[in-house]
Amino acid sequence: MTWTVLLTDAAVEDLERLDRSVVIRVVKKLKHLADAGPQAGKPLGARGGLNLVGLRKIVVGNRDWRIVFSSEDDRRITILVIGERSDDWCYEEAARRIKQLDNAHPAHRPLEQLLERMSDVRHAKAEVEKTRDGPRGRSKRRRDRLREATRRRKKGGPAEQT
């Protein structure tokens, strides 16, 4: 059973500031989070004077990016921060945003709705769908096409079909 991933407006702004290549990685990780649930992330506690109890983090890339989130019992995951691992910025920002959440009822956007609205993220979704068969999938398909073209050439036929 999958989880519903919601992004706060601030998290959407974080995502919009990222390079396209990072957005693709983040979207893949968010989809993984929707499938695996909050246990995919590591729990945060009190760090550097910040109370982050109840929040979790998941890393993206080679530990260069962080996604900080909270989870609810009704199978909802709320993304609070998507940021670079520069010092403890993402944790300080998560603590600040949690305080804002307590004082207001910010809009939360479902991941799927966000993917439909953002052009770069829509492209990232297409990249995720293309690579569903694994990182070697495209290489295998290209290899198969090259083998077929070589086989046709050896038989004296055209190298490519038109």
Protein backbone atom coordinates (compact mmCIF):
# COMPACT_ATOMS: atom_id res chain seq x y z
CA MET A 1 0.00 0.00 0.00
CA THR A 2 1.46 3.37 -0.96
CA TRP A 3 1.72 6.54 1.05
CA THR A 4 0.50 9.96 -0.05
CA VAL A 5 3.42 12.38 -0.38
CA LEU A 6 2.51 16.03 0.16
CA LEU A 7 4.86 18.98 -0.30
CA THR A 8 4.53 22.25 1.55
CA ASP A 9 4.72 25.43 -0.54
CA ALA A 10 8.22 26.03 0.82
CA ALA A 11 9.30 22.53 -0.24
CA VAL A 12 7.91 23.18 -3.73
CA GLU A 13 10.02 26.35 -3.88
CA ASP A 14 13.04 24.30 -2.78
CA LEU A 15 12.40 21.86 -5.61
CA GLU A 16 11.98 24.62 -8.20
CA ARG A 17 15.41 26.04 -7.30
CA LEU A 18 17.25 22.79 -8.07
CA ASP A 19 19.03 21.86 -11.27
CA ARG A 20 17.15 19.51 -13.58
CA SER A 21 19.53 16.62 -12.89
CA VAL A 22 18.97 16.96 -9.15
CA VAL A 23 15.20 17.29 -9.63
CA ILE A 24 15.19 13.92 -11.41
CA ARG A 25 16.98 12.30 -8.46
CA VAL A 26 14.70 13.96 -5.93
CA VAL A 27 11.54 12.86 -7.78
CA LYS A 28 12.83 9.28 -7.87
CA LYS A 29 13.49 9.42 -4.13
CA LEU A 30 10.03 10.90 -3.45
CA LYS A 31 8.42 8.08 -5.45
CA HIS A 32 10.48 5.58 -3.45
CA LEU A 33 9.30 7.27 -0.26
CA ALA A 34 5.67 6.93 -1.41
CA ASP A 35 6.19 3.21 -1.98
CA ALA A 36 8.32 2.39 1.06
CA GLY A 37 6.80 4.76 3.61
CA PRO A 38 8.55 6.75 6.33
CA GLN A 39 10.75 3.85 7.41
CA ALA A 40 12.80 4.56 4.27
CA GLY A 41 14.20 7.60 6.08
CA LYS A 42 16.30 7.92 9.19
CA PRO A 43 14.80 9.51 12.31
CA LEU A 44 16.08 12.87 13.45
CA GLY A 45 16.30 13.81 17.09
CA ALA A 46 17.79 16.74 18.92
CA ARG A 47 20.69 18.03 16.82
CA GLY A 48 22.68 21.16 17.44
CA GLY A 49 20.13 22.60 19.84
CA LEU A 50 17.24 21.92 17.45
CA ASN A 51 14.30 19.75 18.41
CA LEU A 52 13.63 17.61 15.34
CA VAL A 53 11.98 14.72 17.16
CA GLY A 54 9.30 13.18 14.96
CA LEU A 55 10.99 14.23 11.74
CA ARG A 56 12.92 11.97 9.40
CA LYS A 57 15.44 12.50 6.63
CA ILE A 58 16.27 10.69 3.45
CA VAL A 59 19.38 11.37 1.39
CA VAL A 60 19.56 11.95 -2.35
CA GLY A 61 22.57 11.37 -4.55
CA ASN A 62 25.92 10.79 -2.94
CA ARG A 63 24.70 12.17 0.39
CA ASP A 64 24.71 15.66 -1.16
CA TRP A 65 21.00 16.46 -0.77
CA ARG A 66 18.50 15.96 2.04
CA ILE A 67 14.75 15.62 2.16
CA VAL A 68 13.32 16.29 5.63
CA PHE A 69 9.78 15.06 6.22
CA SER A 70 7.16 14.16 8.80
CA SER A 71 4.65 11.34 8.63
CA GLU A 72 1.09 10.95 9.83
CA ASP A 73 -0.76 7.83 10.92
CA ASP A 74 -3.19 8.16 8.01
CA ARG A 75 -0.44 7.25 5.52
CA ARG A 76 0.54 10.83 4.68
CA ILE A 77 4.11 12.05 4.37
CA THR A 78 4.68 15.80 4.42
CA ILE A 79 7.87 17.06 2.80
CA LEU A 80 9.18 20.07 4.71
CA VAL A 81 12.63 20.77 3.23
CA ILE A 82 14.52 19.71 0.13
CA GLY A 83 18.02 21.08 0.34
CA GLU A 84 21.71 20.78 -0.08
CA ARG A 85 23.72 19.29 2.72
CA SER A 86 25.57 22.50 3.51
CA ASP A 87 26.34 22.40 7.19
CA ASP A 88 23.03 22.04 9.02
CA TRP A 89 20.99 24.46 6.89
CA CYS A 90 18.29 21.93 6.01
CA TYR A 91 17.81 20.98 9.68
CA GLU A 92 17.64 24.61 10.83
CA GLU A 93 15.18 25.33 8.02
CA ALA A 94 13.07 22.28 8.99
CA ALA A 95 12.85 23.51 12.60
CA ARG A 96 11.81 26.98 11.38
CA ARG A 97 9.19 25.55 9.00
CA ILE A 98 7.75 23.27 11.70
CA LYS A 99 7.13 26.33 13.86
CA GLN A 100 5.37 27.99 10.93
CA LEU A 101 3.22 24.88 10.40
CA ASP A 102 2.10 25.01 14.01
CA ASN A 103 0.91 28.60 13.57
CA ALA A 104 -0.82 28.27 10.21
CA HIS A 105 -2.44 25.77 7.90
CA PRO A 106 -0.27 25.94 4.79
CA ALA A 107 -1.29 24.45 1.49
CA HIS A 108 0.03 20.99 0.82
CA ARG A 109 0.39 19.79 -2.74
CA PRO A 110 0.23 16.09 -3.59
CA LEU A 111 3.33 14.85 -5.39
CA GLU A 112 1.35 13.67 -8.44
CA GLN A 113 -0.38 17.03 -8.82
CA LEU A 114 2.95 18.79 -8.55
CA LEU A 115 4.45 16.56 -11.22
CA GLU A 116 1.69 17.59 -13.58
CA ARG A 117 2.19 21.31 -12.97
CA MET A 118 5.94 21.82 -13.02
CA SER A 119 7.53 21.59 -16.44
CA ASP A 120 10.99 20.55 -15.22
CA VAL A 121 9.51 18.07 -12.82
CA ARG A 122 7.19 16.78 -15.56
CA HIS A 123 10.32 16.10 -17.59
CA ALA A 124 11.84 14.45 -14.53
CA LYS A 125 8.77 12.22 -14.23
CA ALA A 126 9.26 11.15 -17.85
CA GLU A 127 12.90 10.35 -17.12
CA VAL A 128 11.86 8.28 -14.11
CA GLU A 129 9.35 6.36 -16.22
CA LYS A 130 11.93 5.75 -18.96
CA THR A 131 14.44 4.29 -16.52
CA ARG A 132 11.99 2.08 -14.63
CA ASP A 133 13.61 -1.01 -16.15
CA GLY A 134 16.88 -0.12 -14.45
CA PRO A 135 19.97 1.89 -15.24
CA ARG A 136 21.12 -0.62 -17.85
CA GLY A 137 17.79 -0.78 -19.66
CA ARG A 138 18.55 1.92 -22.21
CA SER A 139 22.04 0.54 -22.85
CA LYS A 140 20.62 -2.91 -23.47
CA ARG A 141 18.04 -1.58 -25.93
CA ARG A 142 20.73 0.40 -27.78
CA ARG A 143 22.99 -2.66 -27.90
CA ASP A 144 20.14 -4.75 -29.31
CA ARG A 145 19.44 -2.15 -32.02
CA LEU A 146 23.13 -2.05 -32.99
CA ARG A 147 23.28 -5.85 -33.16
CA GLU A 148 20.22 -5.91 -35.42
CA ALA A 149 21.68 -3.24 -37.72
CA THR A 150 24.96 -5.19 -37.94
CA ARG A 151 23.11 -8.40 -38.71
CA ARG A 152 21.16 -6.70 -41.54
CA ARG A 153 24.35 -5.18 -42.96
CA LYS A 154 26.04 -8.59 -43.04
CA LYS A 155 23.08 -10.02 -44.95
CA GLY A 156 23.41 -7.21 -47.50
CA GLY A 157 20.26 -5.38 -46.48
CA PRO A 158 19.91 -1.80 -45.35
CA ALA A 159 21.49 -1.02 -41.98
CA GLU A 160 18.37 0.77 -40.73
CA GLN A 161 14.73 0.23 -41.43
CA THR A 162 12.80 3.15 -42.83
